Amino acid sequence: MAQHPVAHEVFDQRDADGVVVLLDAEPPAGQHDTVREAAAICPAAVIEVHA
């Protein structure tokens, strides 16, 4: 079973394989801290934040 991703407005996670899917490539400024947190705790270290 997939875990609920941090920043669920920006990322989703497929139930079939757990792959994280980007929903919003340019989230509002109010979500930037949460997106950075998601990148920091990503177990596969595949989320990159470009500011």
N, C-alpha and C. Protein backbone atom coordinates (compact mmCIF):
# COMPACT_ATOMS: atom_id res chain seq x y z
N MET A 1 0.85 -1.18 0.00
CA MET A 1 0.00 0.00 0.00
C MET A 1 0.89 1.24 0.00
N ALA A 2 0.54 2.22 -0.83
CA ALA A 2 1.32 3.45 -0.93
C ALA A 2 1.06 4.35 0.27
N GLN A 3 2.11 5.07 0.66
CA GLN A 3 1.96 6.05 1.74
C GLN A 3 1.42 7.33 1.13
N HIS A 4 0.76 8.14 1.96
CA HIS A 4 0.30 9.44 1.49
C HIS A 4 1.49 10.38 1.44
N PRO A 5 1.74 10.98 0.29
CA PRO A 5 2.91 11.85 0.17
C PRO A 5 2.72 13.18 0.91
N VAL A 6 3.84 13.75 1.31
CA VAL A 6 3.83 15.11 1.84
C VAL A 6 3.53 16.02 0.65
N ALA A 7 2.89 17.15 0.91
CA ALA A 7 2.52 18.11 -0.15
C ALA A 7 1.58 17.46 -1.15
N HIS A 8 0.50 16.89 -0.65
CA HIS A 8 -0.42 16.15 -1.51
C HIS A 8 -1.09 17.01 -2.59
N GLU A 9 -1.02 18.33 -2.48
CA GLU A 9 -1.54 19.18 -3.54
C GLU A 9 -0.56 19.25 -4.71
N VAL A 10 0.69 18.91 -4.44
CA VAL A 10 1.75 19.01 -5.44
C VAL A 10 2.14 17.63 -5.97
N PHE A 11 2.08 16.62 -5.11
CA PHE A 11 2.48 15.26 -5.49
C PHE A 11 1.36 14.28 -5.19
N ASP A 12 1.30 13.24 -5.99
CA ASP A 12 0.44 12.10 -5.70
C ASP A 12 1.32 10.87 -5.79
N GLN A 13 0.80 9.74 -5.37
CA GLN A 13 1.57 8.51 -5.41
C GLN A 13 0.68 7.41 -5.96
N ARG A 14 1.17 6.74 -7.00
CA ARG A 14 0.39 5.68 -7.62
C ARG A 14 0.31 4.48 -6.68
N ASP A 15 -0.90 3.95 -6.52
CA ASP A 15 -1.09 2.79 -5.66
C ASP A 15 -0.42 1.54 -6.21
N ALA A 16 -0.39 1.39 -7.52
CA ALA A 16 0.14 0.18 -8.14
C ALA A 16 1.62 -0.06 -7.85
N ASP A 17 2.41 1.02 -7.88
CA ASP A 17 3.85 0.83 -7.75
C ASP A 17 4.54 1.83 -6.83
N GLY A 18 3.78 2.78 -6.26
CA GLY A 18 4.36 3.72 -5.32
C GLY A 18 5.10 4.88 -5.94
N VAL A 19 5.13 4.97 -7.27
CA VAL A 19 5.83 6.05 -7.94
C VAL A 19 5.11 7.37 -7.66
N VAL A 20 5.90 8.39 -7.33
CA VAL A 20 5.35 9.72 -7.06
C VAL A 20 5.14 10.44 -8.38
N VAL A 21 3.99 11.09 -8.50
CA VAL A 21 3.61 11.81 -9.71
C VAL A 21 3.48 13.29 -9.36
N LEU A 22 4.10 14.14 -10.17
CA LEU A 22 4.04 15.58 -9.98
C LEU A 22 2.71 16.11 -10.50
N LEU A 23 1.97 16.80 -9.65
CA LEU A 23 0.68 17.37 -10.03
C LEU A 23 0.77 18.85 -10.36
N ASP A 24 1.71 19.55 -9.74
CA ASP A 24 1.83 21.00 -9.92
C ASP A 24 3.31 21.38 -9.96
N ALA A 25 3.81 21.66 -11.14
CA ALA A 25 5.24 21.98 -11.30
C ALA A 25 5.60 23.35 -10.75
N GLU A 26 4.61 24.22 -10.54
CA GLU A 26 4.87 25.55 -10.02
C GLU A 26 3.87 25.86 -8.91
N PRO A 27 4.06 25.22 -7.75
CA PRO A 27 3.12 25.44 -6.64
C PRO A 27 3.24 26.86 -6.09
N PRO A 28 2.17 27.34 -5.45
CA PRO A 28 2.19 28.69 -4.87
C PRO A 28 3.25 28.80 -3.76
N ALA A 29 3.69 30.00 -3.52
CA ALA A 29 4.73 30.26 -2.52
C ALA A 29 4.39 29.68 -1.15
N GLY A 30 3.14 29.64 -0.80
CA GLY A 30 2.72 29.11 0.49
C GLY A 30 2.97 27.62 0.65
N GLN A 31 3.26 26.92 -0.43
CA GLN A 31 3.52 25.48 -0.37
C GLN A 31 5.00 25.14 -0.50
N HIS A 32 5.85 26.13 -0.70
CA HIS A 32 7.26 25.86 -0.95
C HIS A 32 7.95 25.11 0.20
N ASP A 33 7.66 25.46 1.44
CA ASP A 33 8.30 24.76 2.57
C ASP A 33 7.89 23.29 2.59
N THR A 34 6.62 23.01 2.32
CA THR A 34 6.14 21.64 2.31
C THR A 34 6.77 20.84 1.17
N VAL A 35 6.94 21.48 0.02
CA VAL A 35 7.58 20.82 -1.12
C VAL A 35 9.04 20.51 -0.80
N ARG A 36 9.73 21.45 -0.15
CA ARG A 36 11.12 21.20 0.24
C ARG A 36 11.19 20.04 1.24
N GLU A 37 10.23 19.97 2.15
CA GLU A 37 10.18 18.87 3.11
C GLU A 37 10.00 17.54 2.37
N ALA A 38 9.11 17.51 1.39
CA ALA A 38 8.89 16.29 0.61
C ALA A 38 10.18 15.85 -0.07
N ALA A 39 10.91 16.80 -0.63
CA ALA A 39 12.18 16.46 -1.28
C ALA A 39 13.19 15.93 -0.27
N ALA A 40 13.22 16.52 0.91
CA ALA A 40 14.19 16.11 1.92
C ALA A 40 13.92 14.71 2.46
N ILE A 41 12.65 14.31 2.53
CA ILE A 41 12.35 13.00 3.12
C ILE A 41 12.06 11.92 2.08
N CYS A 42 12.18 12.25 0.80
CA CYS A 42 11.93 11.27 -0.25
C CYS A 42 12.92 10.11 -0.10
N PRO A 43 12.43 8.89 0.15
CA PRO A 43 13.34 7.76 0.38
C PRO A 43 14.19 7.41 -0.83
N ALA A 44 13.73 7.74 -2.03
CA ALA A 44 14.50 7.44 -3.24
C ALA A 44 15.36 8.63 -3.66
N ALA A 45 15.21 9.77 -2.98
CA ALA A 45 15.96 10.99 -3.27
C ALA A 45 15.82 11.41 -4.73
N VAL A 46 14.59 11.31 -5.26
CA VAL A 46 14.38 11.65 -6.66
C VAL A 46 13.66 12.98 -6.86
N ILE A 47 13.22 13.61 -5.76
CA ILE A 47 12.56 14.90 -5.88
C ILE A 47 13.60 16.00 -5.77
N GLU A 48 13.65 16.85 -6.79
CA GLU A 48 14.57 17.98 -6.81
C GLU A 48 13.75 19.26 -6.81
N VAL A 49 14.19 20.25 -6.06
CA VAL A 49 13.52 21.55 -6.01
C VAL A 49 14.46 22.56 -6.66
N HIS A 50 13.94 23.26 -7.65
CA HIS A 50 14.69 24.31 -8.32
C HIS A 50 14.02 25.63 -8.00
N ALA A 51 14.74 26.50 -7.33
CA ALA A 51 14.16 27.79 -6.95
C ALA A 51 14.64 28.90 -7.84
